[in-house]
Structure formats: C-alpha cells, structure tokens
Amino acid sequence: MDSCILPQKIQCVYTSHYCEENVWHLCSHLRSKSVESLQSCFVVFISNSNRQIPLWAQKAGAAPEHLVVWDYHVIFVHKSNDGQSLVYDLDCVLDFPSTFEEYFDAAIMDDAILKEKFHRL
C-alpha cells in the first residue's frame, strides 16, 4: 500500500455524527496540500430510499459489532498509485485508511444478509 495522502486519524478535524463535514475537511486538507491528488479521490454518499443504512464498525455503535443504522453516511475514497482503493472514515473503528475490501467486509457487508428495507442504493 502506498503512503497515506491524508494525516493520521488523530490529526484530522473530527466532529461526531457529522460525516459529511468530516469528509469536507479531508477534501479541504488535500486541496491545500496536494490538489493534483484530488483526481484520484471520491466522496461516496451511502443511503437508500428508506434513509436507513446499517453500518458496522462505527464508533457510535456498541461493542462488539459497533452497529449503527444511519440515515446516510459519507466516506472518502482514494484510489492509490498501486491500484488499491483506500477508505477514510473518521466514524469507523477500523484502520485509517482501510482497504476498500476490508471496509466493505467489516463495515458495509453484502446486502444479501440484510432485510430489503436496509439495502443500499
């Protein structure tokens, strides 16, 4: 995995329950330090028509699963030089960043295990 394009998690601006604002700060930091890196970055909005999306490994959730049902969630994704997609989620208890595969397996999971009302768009 190539080096992180953002500061360590502890150095990031963070406000609990304001994922879109947290991601905005990540983008702003990157824009001020390495604007060319923005071409390989994505802001991902996760929701559904019911505005009920379960995510695991979230700080706001209770151990051991750290499950939370958000109305929506926003994450920052960077496609690194080695082709890996890295997820930056300040609300998550996983590594910062996590590979997309790690994040999907631990935090998003497959819709097949969920009731239909919780399927993501």
Protein backbone atom coordinates (compact mmCIF):
# COMPACT_ATOMS: atom_id res chain seq x y z
CA MET A 1 0.00 0.00 0.00
CA ASP A 2 1.45 3.39 -0.87
CA SER A 3 1.67 6.10 1.77
CA CYS A 4 -1.43 7.80 3.09
CA ILE A 5 -2.38 11.03 1.35
CA LEU A 6 -4.05 12.40 4.47
CA PRO A 7 -2.80 12.99 8.02
CA GLN A 8 -3.13 10.36 10.72
CA LYS A 9 -6.64 9.96 12.09
CA ILE A 10 -5.81 11.72 15.36
CA GLN A 11 -4.64 14.79 13.42
CA CYS A 12 -7.84 15.15 11.37
CA VAL A 13 -10.67 17.56 12.13
CA TYR A 14 -13.49 15.40 13.50
CA THR A 15 -16.99 16.03 14.76
CA SER A 16 -19.06 13.04 15.83
CA HIS A 17 -22.24 12.47 13.79
CA TYR A 18 -21.18 14.93 11.03
CA CYS A 19 -19.63 12.60 8.47
CA GLU A 20 -20.20 14.97 5.53
CA GLU A 21 -18.43 17.79 7.34
CA ASN A 22 -15.58 15.48 8.32
CA VAL A 23 -15.14 14.42 4.70
CA TRP A 24 -15.29 18.06 3.60
CA HIS A 25 -12.36 18.77 5.94
CA LEU A 26 -10.42 15.84 4.46
CA CYS A 27 -11.01 17.23 0.95
CA SER A 28 -10.06 20.72 2.06
CA HIS A 29 -6.84 19.46 3.61
CA LEU A 30 -5.94 17.60 0.44
CA ARG A 31 -6.82 20.56 -1.76
CA SER A 32 -4.44 22.75 0.23
CA LYS A 33 -1.57 20.20 0.30
CA SER A 34 -1.83 18.22 -2.94
CA VAL A 35 -4.57 19.42 -5.28
CA GLU A 36 -3.43 17.02 -8.03
CA SER A 37 -4.28 14.09 -5.73
CA LEU A 38 -7.96 15.05 -5.85
CA GLN A 39 -8.20 13.47 -9.32
CA SER A 40 -7.92 10.03 -7.71
CA CYS A 41 -10.31 10.76 -4.82
CA PHE A 42 -14.04 10.24 -4.41
CA VAL A 43 -16.65 11.32 -1.89
CA VAL A 44 -19.09 8.44 -1.50
CA PHE A 45 -22.63 9.01 -0.21
CA ILE A 46 -24.24 5.83 1.18
CA SER A 47 -28.02 5.73 1.70
CA ASN A 48 -31.26 4.23 0.47
CA SER A 49 -34.83 5.33 -0.17
CA ASN A 50 -35.80 4.47 3.44
CA ARG A 51 -32.90 6.50 4.83
CA GLN A 52 -31.90 3.52 6.99
CA ILE A 53 -28.50 2.03 6.30
CA PRO A 54 -26.81 -0.30 8.76
CA LEU A 55 -23.05 0.08 9.09
CA TRP A 56 -20.83 -1.94 11.36
CA ALA A 57 -17.50 -0.95 12.94
CA GLN A 58 -18.80 2.53 13.77
CA LYS A 59 -17.61 4.46 16.84
CA ALA A 60 -21.20 5.38 17.70
CA GLY A 61 -22.23 1.72 17.91
CA ALA A 62 -21.92 -0.60 20.88
CA ALA A 63 -19.23 -3.26 21.01
CA PRO A 64 -18.61 -5.90 19.83
CA GLU A 65 -20.15 -5.20 16.40
CA HIS A 66 -20.32 -1.39 16.64
CA LEU A 67 -23.54 -1.47 14.58
CA VAL A 68 -25.33 1.80 13.78
CA VAL A 69 -28.27 2.47 11.48
CA TRP A 70 -27.58 5.84 9.86
CA ASP A 71 -29.93 7.81 7.63
CA TYR A 72 -26.87 8.25 5.39
CA HIS A 73 -23.13 8.07 5.67
CA VAL A 74 -20.33 9.77 3.75
CA ILE A 75 -16.84 8.35 3.26
CA PHE A 76 -13.69 9.48 1.45
CA VAL A 77 -12.12 7.03 -1.02
CA HIS A 78 -8.71 7.34 -2.65
CA LYS A 79 -7.53 5.12 -5.49
CA SER A 80 -3.84 4.77 -4.68
CA ASN A 81 -0.96 4.54 -7.15
CA ASP A 82 -0.78 0.78 -6.66
CA GLY A 83 -4.45 0.43 -7.71
CA GLN A 84 -5.88 -0.17 -4.26
CA SER A 85 -8.90 1.80 -3.16
CA LEU A 86 -8.44 3.17 0.36
CA VAL A 87 -11.36 4.22 2.57
CA TYR A 88 -11.01 7.08 5.04
CA ASP A 89 -13.88 7.02 7.55
CA LEU A 90 -13.38 9.03 10.73
CA ASP A 91 -16.50 7.47 12.29
CA CYS A 92 -15.09 3.97 11.93
CA VAL A 93 -13.11 1.83 14.38
CA LEU A 94 -11.16 0.17 11.54
CA ASP A 95 -7.72 1.23 10.35
CA PHE A 96 -7.42 4.70 8.85
CA PRO A 97 -7.27 4.21 5.97
CA SER A 98 -8.69 0.75 5.36
CA THR A 99 -8.57 -1.03 2.05
CA PHE A 100 -11.94 -0.99 0.33
CA GLU A 101 -12.15 -4.78 0.74
CA GLU A 102 -11.52 -4.55 4.50
CA TYR A 103 -14.03 -1.73 4.85
CA PHE A 104 -16.70 -3.50 2.80
CA ASP A 105 -16.30 -6.80 4.66
CA ALA A 106 -16.32 -5.24 8.14
CA ALA A 107 -18.48 -2.10 7.83
CA ILE A 108 -20.81 -2.37 4.84
CA MET A 109 -21.32 -6.10 4.29
CA ASP A 110 -23.34 -7.64 1.47
CA ASP A 111 -26.99 -6.61 1.02
CA ALA A 112 -27.84 -10.34 0.79
CA ILE A 113 -27.62 -10.61 4.61
CA LEU A 114 -29.93 -7.63 5.18
CA LYS A 115 -33.67 -7.14 5.18
CA GLU A 116 -34.69 -5.44 1.94
CA LYS A 117 -35.55 -2.16 3.70
CA PHE A 118 -31.85 -1.80 4.57
CA HIS A 119 -30.45 -2.37 1.06
CA ARG A 120 -28.17 0.44 -0.10
CA LEU A 121 -28.65 2.31 -3.37
